[in-house]
Amino acid sequence: DTAKATIAFRNTVGRGNEPRKFVREDGFWKDCTPEATQ
């Protein structure tokens, strides 16, 4: 019931990758990335 994903992001000033954590709650996946890593 946990997952990790790599999210590639891009905007007009640059691009990069960020790791995200997910958990399954009541049958649905939710992003659970701690605020500090955002």
PDB file of all heavy atoms in Angstrom:
ATOM      1  N   ASP A   1       0.808  -1.219   0.000  1.00  0.00           N
ATOM      2  CA  ASP A   1       0.000   0.000   0.000  1.00  0.00           C
ATOM      3  C   ASP A   1       0.841   1.269   0.000  1.00  0.00           C
ATOM      4  O   ASP A   1       0.357   2.355   0.341  1.00  0.00           O
ATOM      5  CB  ASP A   1      -0.927   0.009   1.232  1.00  0.00           C
ATOM      6  CG  ASP A   1      -2.066  -0.988   1.086  1.00  0.00           C
ATOM      7  OD1 ASP A   1      -2.422  -1.321  -0.063  1.00  0.00           O
ATOM      8  OD2 ASP A   1      -2.588  -1.443   2.121  1.00  0.00           O
ATOM      9  N   THR A   2       2.090   1.141  -0.361  1.00  0.00           N
ATOM     10  CA  THR A   2       2.946   2.319  -0.516  1.00  0.00           C
ATOM     11  C   THR A   2       3.585   2.280  -1.899  1.00  0.00           C
ATOM     12  O   THR A   2       3.690   1.225  -2.522  1.00  0.00           O
ATOM     13  CB  THR A   2       4.058   2.363   0.556  1.00  0.00           C
ATOM     14  OG1 THR A   2       4.919   1.224   0.394  1.00  0.00           O
ATOM     15  CG2 THR A   2       3.464   2.363   1.954  1.00  0.00           C
ATOM     16  N   ALA A   3       3.992   3.430  -2.355  1.00  0.00           N
ATOM     17  CA  ALA A   3       4.614   3.502  -3.673  1.00  0.00           C
ATOM     18  C   ALA A   3       5.567   4.686  -3.722  1.00  0.00           C
ATOM     19  O   ALA A   3       5.433   5.641  -2.956  1.00  0.00           O
ATOM     20  CB  ALA A   3       3.564   3.626  -4.768  1.00  0.00           C
ATOM     21  N   LYS A   4       6.515   4.592  -4.629  1.00  0.00           N
ATOM     22  CA  LYS A   4       7.431   5.689  -4.900  1.00  0.00           C
ATOM     23  C   LYS A   4       7.374   5.978  -6.392  1.00  0.00           C
ATOM     24  O   LYS A   4       7.215   5.065  -7.203  1.00  0.00           O
ATOM     25  CB  LYS A   4       8.862   5.335  -4.492  1.00  0.00           C
ATOM     26  CG  LYS A   4       9.046   5.117  -2.995  1.00  0.00           C
ATOM     27  CD  LYS A   4      10.497   4.767  -2.667  1.00  0.00           C
ATOM     28  CE  LYS A   4      10.686   4.546  -1.182  1.00  0.00           C
ATOM     29  NZ  LYS A   4      12.101   4.190  -0.845  1.00  0.00           N
ATOM     30  N   ALA A   5       7.498   7.233  -6.733  1.00  0.00           N
ATOM     31  CA  ALA A   5       7.477   7.615  -8.139  1.00  0.00           C
ATOM     32  C   ALA A   5       8.461   8.740  -8.378  1.00  0.00           C
ATOM     33  O   ALA A   5       8.741   9.544  -7.483  1.00  0.00           O
ATOM     34  CB  ALA A   5       6.075   8.044  -8.561  1.00  0.00           C
ATOM     35  N   THR A   6       9.005   8.778  -9.562  1.00  0.00           N
ATOM     36  CA  THR A   6       9.855   9.885  -9.974  1.00  0.00           C
ATOM     37  C   THR A   6       9.037  10.756 -10.918  1.00  0.00           C
ATOM     38  O   THR A   6       8.495  10.277 -11.904  1.00  0.00           O
ATOM     39  CB  THR A   6      11.112   9.381 -10.692  1.00  0.00           C
ATOM     40  OG1 THR A   6      11.867   8.556  -9.802  1.00  0.00           O
ATOM     41  CG2 THR A   6      11.980  10.547 -11.144  1.00  0.00           C
ATOM     42  N   ILE A   7       8.945  12.028 -10.574  1.00  0.00           N
ATOM     43  CA  ILE A   7       8.165  12.965 -11.369  1.00  0.00           C
ATOM     44  C   ILE A   7       9.116  13.918 -12.080  1.00  0.00           C
ATOM     45  O   ILE A   7       9.886  14.636 -11.434  1.00  0.00           O
ATOM     46  CB  ILE A   7       7.190  13.783 -10.498  1.00  0.00           C
ATOM     47  CG1 ILE A   7       6.385  12.862  -9.577  1.00  0.00           C
ATOM     48  CG2 ILE A   7       6.288  14.638 -11.373  1.00  0.00           C
ATOM     49  CD1 ILE A   7       5.513  11.870 -10.282  1.00  0.00           C
ATOM     50  N   ALA A   8       9.071  13.890 -13.385  1.00  0.00           N
ATOM     51  CA  ALA A   8       9.850  14.850 -14.171  1.00  0.00           C
ATOM     52  C   ALA A   8       8.992  16.093 -14.357  1.00  0.00           C
ATOM     53  O   ALA A   8       7.832  16.000 -14.742  1.00  0.00           O
ATOM     54  CB  ALA A   8      10.225  14.249 -15.513  1.00  0.00           C
ATOM     55  N   PHE A   9       9.550  17.255 -14.036  1.00  0.00           N
ATOM     56  CA  PHE A   9       8.798  18.491 -14.195  1.00  0.00           C
ATOM     57  C   PHE A   9       9.539  19.427 -15.144  1.00  0.00           C
ATOM     58  O   PHE A   9      10.752  19.357 -15.313  1.00  0.00           O
ATOM     59  CB  PHE A   9       8.552  19.179 -12.850  1.00  0.00           C
ATOM     60  CG  PHE A   9       9.806  19.615 -12.131  1.00  0.00           C
ATOM     61  CD1 PHE A   9      10.403  20.826 -12.414  1.00  0.00           C
ATOM     62  CD2 PHE A   9      10.369  18.798 -11.155  1.00  0.00           C
ATOM     63  CE1 PHE A   9      11.554  21.229 -11.738  1.00  0.00           C
ATOM     64  CE2 PHE A   9      11.530  19.199 -10.475  1.00  0.00           C
ATOM     65  CZ  PHE A   9      12.120  20.408 -10.772  1.00  0.00           C
ATOM     66  N   ARG A  10       8.758  20.284 -15.765  1.00  0.00           N
ATOM     67  CA  ARG A  10       9.337  21.247 -16.707  1.00  0.00           C
ATOM     68  C   ARG A  10       8.478  22.494 -16.720  1.00  0.00           C
ATOM     69  O   ARG A  10       7.260  22.438 -16.638  1.00  0.00           O
ATOM     70  CB  ARG A  10       9.389  20.656 -18.116  1.00  0.00           C
ATOM     71  CG  ARG A  10       9.893  21.633 -19.177  1.00  0.00           C
ATOM     72  CD  ARG A  10       9.724  21.079 -20.578  1.00  0.00           C
ATOM     73  NE  ARG A  10      10.520  19.893 -20.807  1.00  0.00           N
ATOM     74  CZ  ARG A  10      10.569  19.236 -21.968  1.00  0.00           C
ATOM     75  NH1 ARG A  10       9.836  19.653 -22.984  1.00  0.00           N
ATOM     76  NH2 ARG A  10      11.321  18.167 -22.106  1.00  0.00           N
ATOM     77  N   ASN A  11       9.138  23.644 -16.770  1.00  0.00           N
ATOM     78  CA  ASN A  11       8.438  24.891 -17.032  1.00  0.00           C
ATOM     79  C   ASN A  11       9.333  25.746 -17.922  1.00  0.00           C
ATOM     80  O   ASN A  11      10.342  25.243 -18.444  1.00  0.00           O
ATOM     81  CB  ASN A  11       8.039  25.614 -15.728  1.00  0.00           C
ATOM     82  CG  ASN A  11       9.229  25.906 -14.845  1.00  0.00           C
ATOM     83  OD1 ASN A  11      10.348  26.104 -15.318  1.00  0.00           O
ATOM     84  ND2 ASN A  11       8.997  25.955 -13.541  1.00  0.00           N
ATOM     85  N   THR A  12       8.988  26.994 -18.099  1.00  0.00           N
ATOM     86  CA  THR A  12       9.728  27.808 -19.058  1.00  0.00           C
ATOM     87  C   THR A  12      11.113  28.216 -18.573  1.00  0.00           C
ATOM     88  O   THR A  12      11.898  28.749 -19.358  1.00  0.00           O
ATOM     89  CB  THR A  12       8.932  29.079 -19.399  1.00  0.00           C
ATOM     90  OG1 THR A  12       8.610  29.778 -18.193  1.00  0.00           O
ATOM     91  CG2 THR A  12       7.653  28.727 -20.147  1.00  0.00           C
ATOM     92  N   VAL A  13      11.420  27.973 -17.308  1.00  0.00           N
ATOM     93  CA  VAL A  13      12.737  28.359 -16.797  1.00  0.00           C
ATOM     94  C   VAL A  13      13.635  27.170 -16.484  1.00  0.00           C
ATOM     95  O   VAL A  13      14.781  27.353 -16.086  1.00  0.00           O
ATOM     96  CB  VAL A  13      12.612  29.249 -15.539  1.00  0.00           C
ATOM     97  CG1 VAL A  13      11.929  30.554 -15.882  1.00  0.00           C
ATOM     98  CG2 VAL A  13      11.872  28.523 -14.431  1.00  0.00           C
ATOM     99  N   GLY A  14      13.138  25.973 -16.658  1.00  0.00           N
ATOM    100  CA  GLY A  14      14.001  24.823 -16.388  1.00  0.00           C
ATOM    101  C   GLY A  14      13.222  23.529 -16.255  1.00  0.00           C
ATOM    102  O   GLY A  14      12.013  23.484 -16.457  1.00  0.00           O
ATOM    103  N   ARG A  15      13.964  22.489 -15.886  1.00  0.00           N
ATOM    104  CA  ARG A  15      13.372  21.172 -15.720  1.00  0.00           C
ATOM    105  C   ARG A  15      14.128  20.422 -14.648  1.00  0.00           C
ATOM    106  O   ARG A  15      15.218  20.833 -14.236  1.00  0.00           O
ATOM    107  CB  ARG A  15      13.415  20.392 -17.037  1.00  0.00           C
ATOM    108  CG  ARG A  15      14.836  20.066 -17.503  1.00  0.00           C
ATOM    109  CD  ARG A  15      14.831  19.284 -18.803  1.00  0.00           C
ATOM    110  NE  ARG A  15      14.364  20.090 -19.910  1.00  0.00           N
ATOM    111  CZ  ARG A  15      14.154  19.607 -21.122  1.00  0.00           C
ATOM    112  NH1 ARG A  15      14.367  18.319 -21.368  1.00  0.00           N
ATOM    113  NH2 ARG A  15      13.743  20.395 -22.092  1.00  0.00           N
ATOM    114  N   GLY A  16      13.568  19.320 -14.195  1.00  0.00           N
ATOM    115  CA  GLY A  16      14.241  18.516 -13.183  1.00  0.00           C
ATOM    116  C   GLY A  16      13.393  17.304 -12.831  1.00  0.00           C
ATOM    117  O   GLY A  16      12.377  17.033 -13.463  1.00  0.00           O
ATOM    118  N   ASN A  17      13.837  16.593 -11.808  1.00  0.00           N
ATOM    119  CA  ASN A  17      13.125  15.408 -11.333  1.00  0.00           C
ATOM    120  C   ASN A  17      12.965  15.501  -9.824  1.00  0.00           C
ATOM    121  O   ASN A  17      13.831  16.044  -9.135  1.00  0.00           O
ATOM    122  CB  ASN A  17      13.892  14.129 -11.675  1.00  0.00           C
ATOM    123  CG  ASN A  17      13.987  13.897 -13.158  1.00  0.00           C
ATOM    124  OD1 ASN A  17      13.012  13.565 -13.822  1.00  0.00           O
ATOM    125  ND2 ASN A  17      15.184  14.069 -13.712  1.00  0.00           N
ATOM    126  N   GLU A  18      11.862  14.982  -9.325  1.00  0.00           N
ATOM    127  CA  GLU A  18      11.667  14.947  -7.883  1.00  0.00           C
ATOM    128  C   GLU A  18      11.026  13.622  -7.485  1.00  0.00           C
ATOM    129  O   GLU A  18      10.140  13.118  -8.171  1.00  0.00           O
ATOM    130  CB  GLU A  18      10.803  16.109  -7.400  1.00  0.00           C
ATOM    131  CG  GLU A  18       9.414  16.162  -7.990  1.00  0.00           C
ATOM    132  CD  GLU A  18       8.576  17.262  -7.367  1.00  0.00           C
ATOM    133  OE1 GLU A  18       8.869  17.676  -6.236  1.00  0.00           O
ATOM    134  OE2 GLU A  18       7.603  17.701  -8.006  1.00  0.00           O
ATOM    135  N   PRO A  19      11.492  13.031  -6.389  1.00  0.00           N
ATOM    136  CA  PRO A  19      10.882  11.798  -5.890  1.00  0.00           C
ATOM    137  C   PRO A  19       9.607  12.117  -5.127  1.00  0.00           C
ATOM    138  O   PRO A  19       9.531  13.112  -4.417  1.00  0.00           O
ATOM    139  CB  PRO A  19      11.960  11.236  -4.961  1.00  0.00           C
ATOM    140  CG  PRO A  19      12.690  12.451  -4.465  1.00  0.00           C
ATOM    141  CD  PRO A  19      12.663  13.435  -5.587  1.00  0.00           C
ATOM    142  N   ARG A  20       8.583  11.293  -5.290  1.00  0.00           N
ATOM    143  CA  ARG A  20       7.333  11.463  -4.569  1.00  0.00           C
ATOM    144  C   ARG A  20       6.958  10.150  -3.898  1.00  0.00           C
ATOM    145  O   ARG A  20       7.223   9.066  -4.426  1.00  0.00           O
ATOM    146  CB  ARG A  20       6.192  11.871  -5.508  1.00  0.00           C
ATOM    147  CG  ARG A  20       6.470  13.056  -6.397  1.00  0.00           C
ATOM    148  CD  ARG A  20       6.537  14.353  -5.674  1.00  0.00           C
ATOM    149  NE  ARG A  20       5.297  14.734  -4.993  1.00  0.00           N
ATOM    150  CZ  ARG A  20       5.103  15.943  -4.483  1.00  0.00           C
ATOM    151  NH1 ARG A  20       6.036  16.878  -4.585  1.00  0.00           N
ATOM    152  NH2 ARG A  20       3.966  16.232  -3.874  1.00  0.00           N
ATOM    153  N   LYS A  21       6.325  10.259  -2.738  1.00  0.00           N
ATOM    154  CA  LYS A  21       5.847   9.088  -2.011  1.00  0.00           C
ATOM    155  C   LYS A  21       4.323   9.052  -2.062  1.00  0.00           C
ATOM    156  O   LYS A  21       3.670  10.098  -1.989  1.00  0.00           O
ATOM    157  CB  LYS A  21       6.315   9.151  -0.553  1.00  0.00           C
ATOM    158  CG  LYS A  21       7.822   9.130  -0.379  1.00  0.00           C
ATOM    159  CD  LYS A  21       8.204   9.231   1.094  1.00  0.00           C
ATOM    160  CE  LYS A  21       9.708   9.231   1.286  1.00  0.00           C
ATOM    161  NZ  LYS A  21      10.090   9.369   2.717  1.00  0.00           N
ATOM    162  N   PHE A  22       3.773   7.841  -2.169  1.00  0.00           N
ATOM    163  CA  PHE A  22       2.333   7.669  -2.246  1.00  0.00           C
ATOM    164  C   PHE A  22       1.893   6.584  -1.269  1.00  0.00           C
ATOM    165  O   PHE A  22       2.654   5.658  -0.975  1.00  0.00           O
ATOM    166  CB  PHE A  22       1.898   7.276  -3.656  1.00  0.00           C
ATOM    167  CG  PHE A  22       2.170   8.331  -4.693  1.00  0.00           C
ATOM    168  CD1 PHE A  22       3.428   8.467  -5.255  1.00  0.00           C
ATOM    169  CD2 PHE A  22       1.172   9.200  -5.097  1.00  0.00           C
ATOM    170  CE1 PHE A  22       3.691   9.445  -6.208  1.00  0.00           C
ATOM    171  CE2 PHE A  22       1.416  10.179  -6.043  1.00  0.00           C
ATOM    172  CZ  PHE A  22       2.676  10.305  -6.598  1.00  0.00           C
ATOM    173  N   VAL A  23       0.678   6.713  -0.760  1.00  0.00           N
ATOM    174  CA  VAL A  23       0.088   5.675   0.085  1.00  0.00           C
ATOM    175  C   VAL A  23      -1.326   5.420  -0.407  1.00  0.00           C
ATOM    176  O   VAL A  23      -1.980   6.301  -0.978  1.00  0.00           O
ATOM    177  CB  VAL A  23       0.066   6.066   1.580  1.00  0.00           C
ATOM    178  CG1 VAL A  23       1.476   6.279   2.112  1.00  0.00           C
ATOM    179  CG2 VAL A  23      -0.794   7.303   1.810  1.00  0.00           C
ATOM    180  N   ARG A  24      -1.805   4.202  -0.162  1.00  0.00           N
ATOM    181  CA  ARG A  24      -3.178   3.864  -0.522  1.00  0.00           C
ATOM    182  C   ARG A  24      -4.061   4.071   0.701  1.00  0.00           C
ATOM    183  O   ARG A  24      -3.846   3.461   1.741  1.00  0.00           O
ATOM    184  CB  ARG A  24      -3.250   2.412  -1.000  1.00  0.00           C
ATOM    185  CG  ARG A  24      -4.492   2.104  -1.838  1.00  0.00           C
ATOM    186  CD  ARG A  24      -4.704   0.609  -2.031  1.00  0.00           C
ATOM    187  NE  ARG A  24      -3.513  -0.135  -2.292  1.00  0.00           N
ATOM    188  CZ  ARG A  24      -3.102  -0.557  -3.500  1.00  0.00           C
ATOM    189  NH1 ARG A  24      -3.811  -0.245  -4.575  1.00  0.00           N
ATOM    190  NH2 ARG A  24      -2.005  -1.270  -3.633  1.00  0.00           N
ATOM    191  N   GLU A  25      -5.037   4.955   0.571  1.00  0.00           N
ATOM    192  CA  GLU A  25      -5.973   5.247   1.658  1.00  0.00           C
ATOM    193  C   GLU A  25      -7.386   4.947   1.191  1.00  0.00           C
ATOM    194  O   GLU A  25      -7.844   5.524   0.193  1.00  0.00           O
ATOM    195  CB  GLU A  25      -5.876   6.714   2.088  1.00  0.00           C
ATOM    196  CG  GLU A  25      -4.604   7.081   2.819  1.00  0.00           C
ATOM    197  CD  GLU A  25      -4.618   8.521   3.307  1.00  0.00           C
ATOM    198  OE1 GLU A  25      -5.497   9.292   2.874  1.00  0.00           O
ATOM    199  OE2 GLU A  25      -3.748   8.877   4.114  1.00  0.00           O
ATOM    200  N   ASP A  26      -8.059   4.068   1.907  1.00  0.00           N
ATOM    201  CA  ASP A  26      -9.444   3.711   1.560  1.00  0.00           C
ATOM    202  C   ASP A  26      -9.561   3.287   0.102  1.00  0.00           C
ATOM    203  O   ASP A  26     -10.553   3.601  -0.577  1.00  0.00           O
ATOM    204  CB  ASP A  26     -10.391   4.878   1.842  1.00  0.00           C
ATOM    205  CG  ASP A  26     -10.393   5.284   3.314  1.00  0.00           C
ATOM    206  OD1 ASP A  26     -10.272   4.386   4.162  1.00  0.00           O
ATOM    207  OD2 ASP A  26     -10.492   6.490   3.602  1.00  0.00           O
ATOM    208  N   GLY A  27      -8.522   2.613  -0.371  1.00  0.00           N
ATOM    209  CA  GLY A  27      -8.554   2.084  -1.723  1.00  0.00           C
ATOM    210  C   GLY A  27      -8.088   3.032  -2.803  1.00  0.00           C
ATOM    211  O   GLY A  27      -8.074   2.669  -3.986  1.00  0.00           O
ATOM    212  N   PHE A  28      -7.688   4.250  -2.415  1.00  0.00           N
ATOM    213  CA  PHE A  28      -7.255   5.238  -3.402  1.00  0.00           C
ATOM    214  C   PHE A  28      -5.833   5.703  -3.104  1.00  0.00           C
ATOM    215  O   PHE A  28      -5.467   5.910  -1.943  1.00  0.00           O
ATOM    216  CB  PHE A  28      -8.194   6.457  -3.397  1.00  0.00           C
ATOM    217  CG  PHE A  28      -9.607   6.127  -3.763  1.00  0.00           C
ATOM    218  CD1 PHE A  28     -10.561   5.900  -2.781  1.00  0.00           C
ATOM    219  CD2 PHE A  28      -9.984   6.031  -5.093  1.00  0.00           C
ATOM    220  CE1 PHE A  28     -11.870   5.597  -3.118  1.00  0.00           C
ATOM    221  CE2 PHE A  28     -11.302   5.725  -5.443  1.00  0.00           C
ATOM    222  CZ  PHE A  28     -12.242   5.501  -4.459  1.00  0.00           C
ATOM    223  N   TRP A  29      -5.039   5.898  -4.146  1.00  0.00           N
ATOM    224  CA  TRP A  29      -3.680   6.380  -3.979  1.00  0.00           C
ATOM    225  C   TRP A  29      -3.680   7.881  -3.694  1.00  0.00           C
ATOM    226  O   TRP A  29      -4.422   8.635  -4.314  1.00  0.00           O
ATOM    227  CB  TRP A  29      -2.836   6.096  -5.220  1.00  0.00           C
ATOM    228  CG  TRP A  29      -2.444   4.661  -5.351  1.00  0.00           C
ATOM    229  CD1 TRP A  29      -2.969   3.737  -6.203  1.00  0.00           C
ATOM    230  CD2 TRP A  29      -1.441   3.983  -4.583  1.00  0.00           C
ATOM    231  NE1 TRP A  29      -2.360   2.518  -6.030  1.00  0.00           N
ATOM    232  CE2 TRP A  29      -1.408   2.636  -5.029  1.00  0.00           C
ATOM    233  CE3 TRP A  29      -0.571   4.359  -3.560  1.00  0.00           C
ATOM    234  CZ2 TRP A  29      -0.551   1.684  -4.501  1.00  0.00           C
ATOM    235  CZ3 TRP A  29       0.288   3.418  -3.028  1.00  0.00           C
ATOM    236  CH2 TRP A  29       0.303   2.104  -3.487  1.00  0.00           C
ATOM    237  N   LYS A  30      -2.849   8.288  -2.734  1.00  0.00           N
ATOM    238  CA  LYS A  30      -2.693   9.692  -2.381  1.00  0.00           C
ATOM    239  C   LYS A  30      -1.202  10.025  -2.313  1.00  0.00           C
ATOM    240  O   LYS A  30      -0.391   9.209  -1.892  1.00  0.00           O
ATOM    241  CB  LYS A  30      -3.335   9.997  -1.019  1.00  0.00           C
ATOM    242  CG  LYS A  30      -4.840   9.742  -0.964  1.00  0.00           C
ATOM    243  CD  LYS A  30      -5.607  10.750  -1.783  1.00  0.00           C
ATOM    244  CE  LYS A  30      -7.109  10.558  -1.651  1.00  0.00           C
ATOM    245  NZ  LYS A  30      -7.874  11.576  -2.433  1.00  0.00           N
ATOM    246  N   ASP A  31      -0.876  11.230  -2.735  1.00  0.00           N
ATOM    247  CA  ASP A  31       0.501  11.705  -2.603  1.00  0.00           C
ATOM    248  C   ASP A  31       0.771  11.959  -1.126  1.00  0.00           C
ATOM    249  O   ASP A  31      -0.019  12.623  -0.448  1.00  0.00           O
ATOM    250  CB  ASP A  31       0.680  12.995  -3.402  1.00  0.00           C
ATOM    251  CG  ASP A  31       2.137  13.408  -3.562  1.00  0.00           C
ATOM    252  OD1 ASP A  31       2.863  13.404  -2.551  1.00  0.00           O
ATOM    253  OD2 ASP A  31       2.539  13.736  -4.684  1.00  0.00           O
ATOM    254  N   CYS A  32       1.870  11.442  -0.612  1.00  0.00           N
ATOM    255  CA  CYS A  32       2.189  11.624   0.801  1.00  0.00           C
ATOM    256  C   CYS A  32       3.622  12.130   0.958  1.00  0.00           C
ATOM    257  O   CYS A  32       4.316  11.772   1.910  1.00  0.00           O
ATOM    258  CB  CYS A  32       1.985  10.306   1.561  1.00  0.00           C
ATOM    259  SG  CYS A  32       1.494  10.539   3.302  1.00  0.00           S
ATOM    260  N   THR A  33       4.041  12.965   0.041  1.00  0.00           N
ATOM    261  CA  THR A  33       5.386  13.533   0.092  1.00  0.00           C
ATOM    262  C   THR A  33       5.452  14.583   1.199  1.00  0.00           C
ATOM    263  O   THR A  33       4.661  15.530   1.192  1.00  0.00           O
ATOM    264  CB  THR A  33       5.748  14.190  -1.252  1.00  0.00           C
ATOM    265  OG1 THR A  33       5.529  13.245  -2.301  1.00  0.00           O
ATOM    266  CG2 THR A  33       7.200  14.643  -1.261  1.00  0.00           C
ATOM    267  N   PRO A  34       6.350  14.444   2.157  1.00  0.00           N
ATOM    268  CA  PRO A  34       6.435  15.413   3.253  1.00  0.00           C
ATOM    269  C   PRO A  34       6.664  16.829   2.737  1.00  0.00           C
ATOM    270  O   PRO A  34       7.340  17.046   1.731  1.00  0.00           O
ATOM    271  CB  PRO A  34       7.637  14.917   4.068  1.00  0.00           C
ATOM    272  CG  PRO A  34       7.709  13.454   3.753  1.00  0.00           C
ATOM    273  CD  PRO A  34       7.294  13.337   2.320  1.00  0.00           C
ATOM    274  N   GLU A  35       6.097  17.785   3.437  1.00  0.00           N
ATOM    275  CA  GLU A  35       6.196  19.188   3.025  1.00  0.00           C
ATOM    276  C   GLU A  35       7.641  19.637   2.859  1.00  0.00           C
ATOM    277  O   GLU A  35       7.960  20.392   1.949  1.00  0.00           O
ATOM    278  CB  GLU A  35       5.485  20.064   4.060  1.00  0.00           C
ATOM    279  CG  GLU A  35       5.463  21.542   3.744  1.00  0.00           C
ATOM    280  CD  GLU A  35       4.503  21.876   2.613  1.00  0.00           C
ATOM    281  OE1 GLU A  35       3.714  21.003   2.227  1.00  0.00           O
ATOM    282  OE2 GLU A  35       4.536  23.018   2.134  1.00  0.00           O
ATOM    283  N   ALA A  36       8.509  19.147   3.727  1.00  0.00           N
ATOM    284  CA  ALA A  36       9.903  19.605   3.689  1.00  0.00           C
ATOM    285  C   ALA A  36      10.576  19.289   2.368  1.00  0.00           C
ATOM    286  O   ALA A  36      11.493  19.981   1.949  1.00  0.00           O
ATOM    287  CB  ALA A  36      10.697  18.970   4.831  1.00  0.00           C
ATOM    288  N   THR A  37      10.137  18.236   1.679  1.00  0.00           N
ATOM    289  CA  THR A  37      10.785  17.859   0.432  1.00  0.00           C
ATOM    290  C   THR A  37      10.154  18.544  -0.771  1.00  0.00           C
ATOM    291  O   THR A  37      10.568  18.314  -1.895  1.00  0.00           O
ATOM    292  CB  THR A  37      10.734  16.337   0.215  1.00  0.00           C
ATOM    293  OG1 THR A  37       9.371  15.952   0.021  1.00  0.00           O
ATOM    294  CG2 THR A  37      11.308  15.590   1.384  1.00  0.00           C
ATOM    295  N   GLN A  38       9.159  19.397  -0.535  1.00  0.00           N
ATOM    296  CA  GLN A  38       8.522  20.087  -1.645  1.00  0.00           C
ATOM    297  C   GLN A  38       9.175  21.432  -1.935  1.00  0.00           C
ATOM    298  O   GLN A  38       8.833  22.090  -2.917  1.00  0.00           O
ATOM    299  CB  GLN A  38       7.035  20.284  -1.362  1.00  0.00           C
ATOM    300  CG  GLN A  38       6.282  18.964  -1.304  1.00  0.00           C
ATOM    301  CD  GLN A  38       4.815  19.174  -1.051  1.00  0.00           C
ATOM    302  OE1 GLN A  38       4.331  20.290  -1.120  1.00  0.00           O
ATOM    303  NE2 GLN A  38       4.097  18.112  -0.762  1.00  0.00           N
TER     304      GLN A  38
END
